[in-house]
Amino acid sequence: MSKVNGTKLVLRLYVAGHSPNSMAAIDNLTALRRDQLKDAKVEVVDILLEPERAMADRVITAPALLKVSPQPSRMLLGNLSDQSKVLQGLGVAAQS
């Protein structure tokens, strides 16, 4: 279950078009959802198409994964290739 302190996990992944790192981040987040974060709500935002959304969340580079809920919000940068570090950064315990 993808909950932190009983609250459903909500994530927003900011990408930059079809750049290699952005595509890797999408693939890695898809695998992470399959393996660990099955119930998490995820939204993907392309900063090239919606720069105002990136500015509103203070995103200055992509790919960037923003934990929207539960608070505190956290932002992870990069292609999300290390699942254990991503889970740790989000404050989520790995499932066995």
C-alpha atoms as a PDB file:
ATOM      1  CA  MET A   1       0.000   0.000   0.000  1.00  0.00           C
ATOM      2  CA  SER A   2       1.361   3.420  -0.936  1.00  0.00           C
ATOM      3  CA  LYS A   3       0.586   5.390   2.159  1.00  0.00           C
ATOM      4  CA  VAL A   4       2.669   7.470   4.502  1.00  0.00           C
ATOM      5  CA  ASN A   5       1.214   7.882   7.980  1.00  0.00           C
ATOM      6  CA  GLY A   6      -2.130   6.641   6.632  1.00  0.00           C
ATOM      7  CA  THR A   7      -2.295   9.242   3.838  1.00  0.00           C
ATOM      8  CA  LYS A   8      -2.252   8.242   0.166  1.00  0.00           C
ATOM      9  CA  LEU A   9       0.977   9.125  -1.596  1.00  0.00           C
ATOM     10  CA  VAL A  10       0.592  11.753  -4.343  1.00  0.00           C
ATOM     11  CA  LEU A  11       3.556  12.368  -6.655  1.00  0.00           C
ATOM     12  CA  ARG A  12       4.228  14.717  -9.558  1.00  0.00           C
ATOM     13  CA  LEU A  13       7.011  13.904 -12.017  1.00  0.00           C
ATOM     14  CA  TYR A  14       8.351  16.822 -14.012  1.00  0.00           C
ATOM     15  CA  VAL A  15      10.033  15.864 -17.286  1.00  0.00           C
ATOM     16  CA  ALA A  16      11.564  17.758 -20.202  1.00  0.00           C
ATOM     17  CA  GLY A  17       9.990  16.335 -23.327  1.00  0.00           C
ATOM     18  CA  HIS A  18      11.473  13.065 -24.515  1.00  0.00           C
ATOM     19  CA  SER A  19      14.996  13.659 -23.244  1.00  0.00           C
ATOM     20  CA  PRO A  20      16.891  10.477 -22.288  1.00  0.00           C
ATOM     21  CA  ASN A  21      16.904  11.287 -18.574  1.00  0.00           C
ATOM     22  CA  SER A  22      13.205  12.148 -18.587  1.00  0.00           C
ATOM     23  CA  MET A  23      12.312   8.916 -20.372  1.00  0.00           C
ATOM     24  CA  ALA A  24      14.485   6.957 -17.927  1.00  0.00           C
ATOM     25  CA  ALA A  25      12.723   8.657 -15.002  1.00  0.00           C
ATOM     26  CA  ILE A  26       9.315   7.692 -16.411  1.00  0.00           C
ATOM     27  CA  ASP A  27      10.454   4.083 -16.901  1.00  0.00           C
ATOM     28  CA  ASN A  28      12.011   3.913 -13.436  1.00  0.00           C
ATOM     29  CA  LEU A  29       8.946   5.428 -11.761  1.00  0.00           C
ATOM     30  CA  THR A  30       6.722   2.953 -13.629  1.00  0.00           C
ATOM     31  CA  ALA A  31       8.835   0.085 -12.274  1.00  0.00           C
ATOM     32  CA  LEU A  32       8.795   1.586  -8.781  1.00  0.00           C
ATOM     33  CA  ARG A  33       5.011   1.844  -8.889  1.00  0.00           C
ATOM     34  CA  ARG A  34       4.748  -1.767 -10.044  1.00  0.00           C
ATOM     35  CA  ASP A  35       7.119  -3.010  -7.326  1.00  0.00           C
ATOM     36  CA  GLN A  36       6.519  -0.708  -4.348  1.00  0.00           C
ATOM     37  CA  LEU A  37       4.064   2.153  -4.855  1.00  0.00           C
ATOM     38  CA  LYS A  38       1.049   0.376  -6.336  1.00  0.00           C
ATOM     39  CA  ASP A  39      -1.590   2.773  -4.965  1.00  0.00           C
ATOM     40  CA  ALA A  40       0.311   6.033  -5.416  1.00  0.00           C
ATOM     41  CA  LYS A  41      -1.296   8.730  -7.518  1.00  0.00           C
ATOM     42  CA  VAL A  42       1.201   9.998 -10.094  1.00  0.00           C
ATOM     43  CA  GLU A  43       0.936  12.925 -12.482  1.00  0.00           C
ATOM     44  CA  VAL A  44       3.526  13.562 -15.205  1.00  0.00           C
ATOM     45  CA  VAL A  45       4.083  17.183 -16.246  1.00  0.00           C
ATOM     46  CA  ASP A  46       6.193  18.166 -19.255  1.00  0.00           C
ATOM     47  CA  ILE A  47       7.912  21.440 -18.388  1.00  0.00           C
ATOM     48  CA  LEU A  48       8.334  22.246 -22.079  1.00  0.00           C
ATOM     49  CA  LEU A  49       4.549  22.253 -22.500  1.00  0.00           C
ATOM     50  CA  GLU A  50       3.571  23.612 -19.074  1.00  0.00           C
ATOM     51  CA  PRO A  51       6.423  25.777 -17.766  1.00  0.00           C
ATOM     52  CA  GLU A  52       4.079  27.703 -15.470  1.00  0.00           C
ATOM     53  CA  ARG A  53       3.393  24.534 -13.455  1.00  0.00           C
ATOM     54  CA  ALA A  54       7.110  23.955 -12.981  1.00  0.00           C
ATOM     55  CA  MET A  55       7.556  27.552 -11.886  1.00  0.00           C
ATOM     56  CA  ALA A  56       4.678  27.254  -9.409  1.00  0.00           C
ATOM     57  CA  ASP A  57       6.369  24.240  -7.789  1.00  0.00           C
ATOM     58  CA  ARG A  58       9.822  25.861  -8.016  1.00  0.00           C
ATOM     59  CA  VAL A  59      11.154  23.179 -10.335  1.00  0.00           C
ATOM     60  CA  ILE A  60      14.293  24.394 -12.081  1.00  0.00           C
ATOM     61  CA  THR A  61      15.548  21.129 -13.588  1.00  0.00           C
ATOM     62  CA  ALA A  62      14.072  17.941 -14.960  1.00  0.00           C
ATOM     63  CA  PRO A  63      13.503  15.190 -14.292  1.00  0.00           C
ATOM     64  CA  ALA A  64      12.252  16.046 -10.817  1.00  0.00           C
ATOM     65  CA  LEU A  65       9.891  14.018  -8.638  1.00  0.00           C
ATOM     66  CA  LEU A  66       7.794  16.038  -6.212  1.00  0.00           C
ATOM     67  CA  LYS A  67       6.029  14.403  -3.280  1.00  0.00           C
ATOM     68  CA  VAL A  68       2.849  16.472  -3.120  1.00  0.00           C
ATOM     69  CA  SER A  69       1.155  14.601  -0.296  1.00  0.00           C
ATOM     70  CA  PRO A  70       1.448  13.806   2.516  1.00  0.00           C
ATOM     71  CA  GLN A  71       3.449  16.677   3.907  1.00  0.00           C
ATOM     72  CA  PRO A  72       6.250  17.520   4.184  1.00  0.00           C
ATOM     73  CA  SER A  73       6.725  17.839   0.454  1.00  0.00           C
ATOM     74  CA  ARG A  74      10.019  16.617  -0.929  1.00  0.00           C
ATOM     75  CA  MET A  75      11.725  16.897  -4.294  1.00  0.00           C
ATOM     76  CA  LEU A  76      14.050  14.314  -5.802  1.00  0.00           C
ATOM     77  CA  LEU A  77      16.148  15.106  -8.856  1.00  0.00           C
ATOM     78  CA  GLY A  78      17.465  12.736 -11.492  1.00  0.00           C
ATOM     79  CA  ASN A  79      16.334   9.640 -13.351  1.00  0.00           C
ATOM     80  CA  LEU A  80      15.146   7.746 -10.217  1.00  0.00           C
ATOM     81  CA  SER A  81      17.325   4.729 -11.024  1.00  0.00           C
ATOM     82  CA  ASP A  82      18.011   3.737  -7.392  1.00  0.00           C
ATOM     83  CA  GLN A  83      14.687   2.513  -5.990  1.00  0.00           C
ATOM     84  CA  SER A  84      15.901   2.327  -2.392  1.00  0.00           C
ATOM     85  CA  LYS A  85      17.150   5.932  -2.457  1.00  0.00           C
ATOM     86  CA  VAL A  86      13.910   7.112  -4.060  1.00  0.00           C
ATOM     87  CA  LEU A  87      11.822   5.371  -1.389  1.00  0.00           C
ATOM     88  CA  GLN A  88      14.084   6.774   1.345  1.00  0.00           C
ATOM     89  CA  GLY A  89      13.871  10.255  -0.151  1.00  0.00           C
ATOM     90  CA  LEU A  90      10.085  10.040  -0.249  1.00  0.00           C
ATOM     91  CA  GLY A  91       9.958   8.796   3.327  1.00  0.00           C
ATOM     92  CA  VAL A  92       8.346   5.501   2.300  1.00  0.00           C
ATOM     93  CA  ALA A  93       9.358   2.124   3.708  1.00  0.00           C
ATOM     94  CA  ALA A  94      10.151  -0.544   1.116  1.00  0.00           C
ATOM     95  CA  GLN A  95       7.644  -3.377   0.882  1.00  0.00           C
ATOM     96  CA  SER A  96       8.849  -6.970   1.028  1.00  0.00           C
END
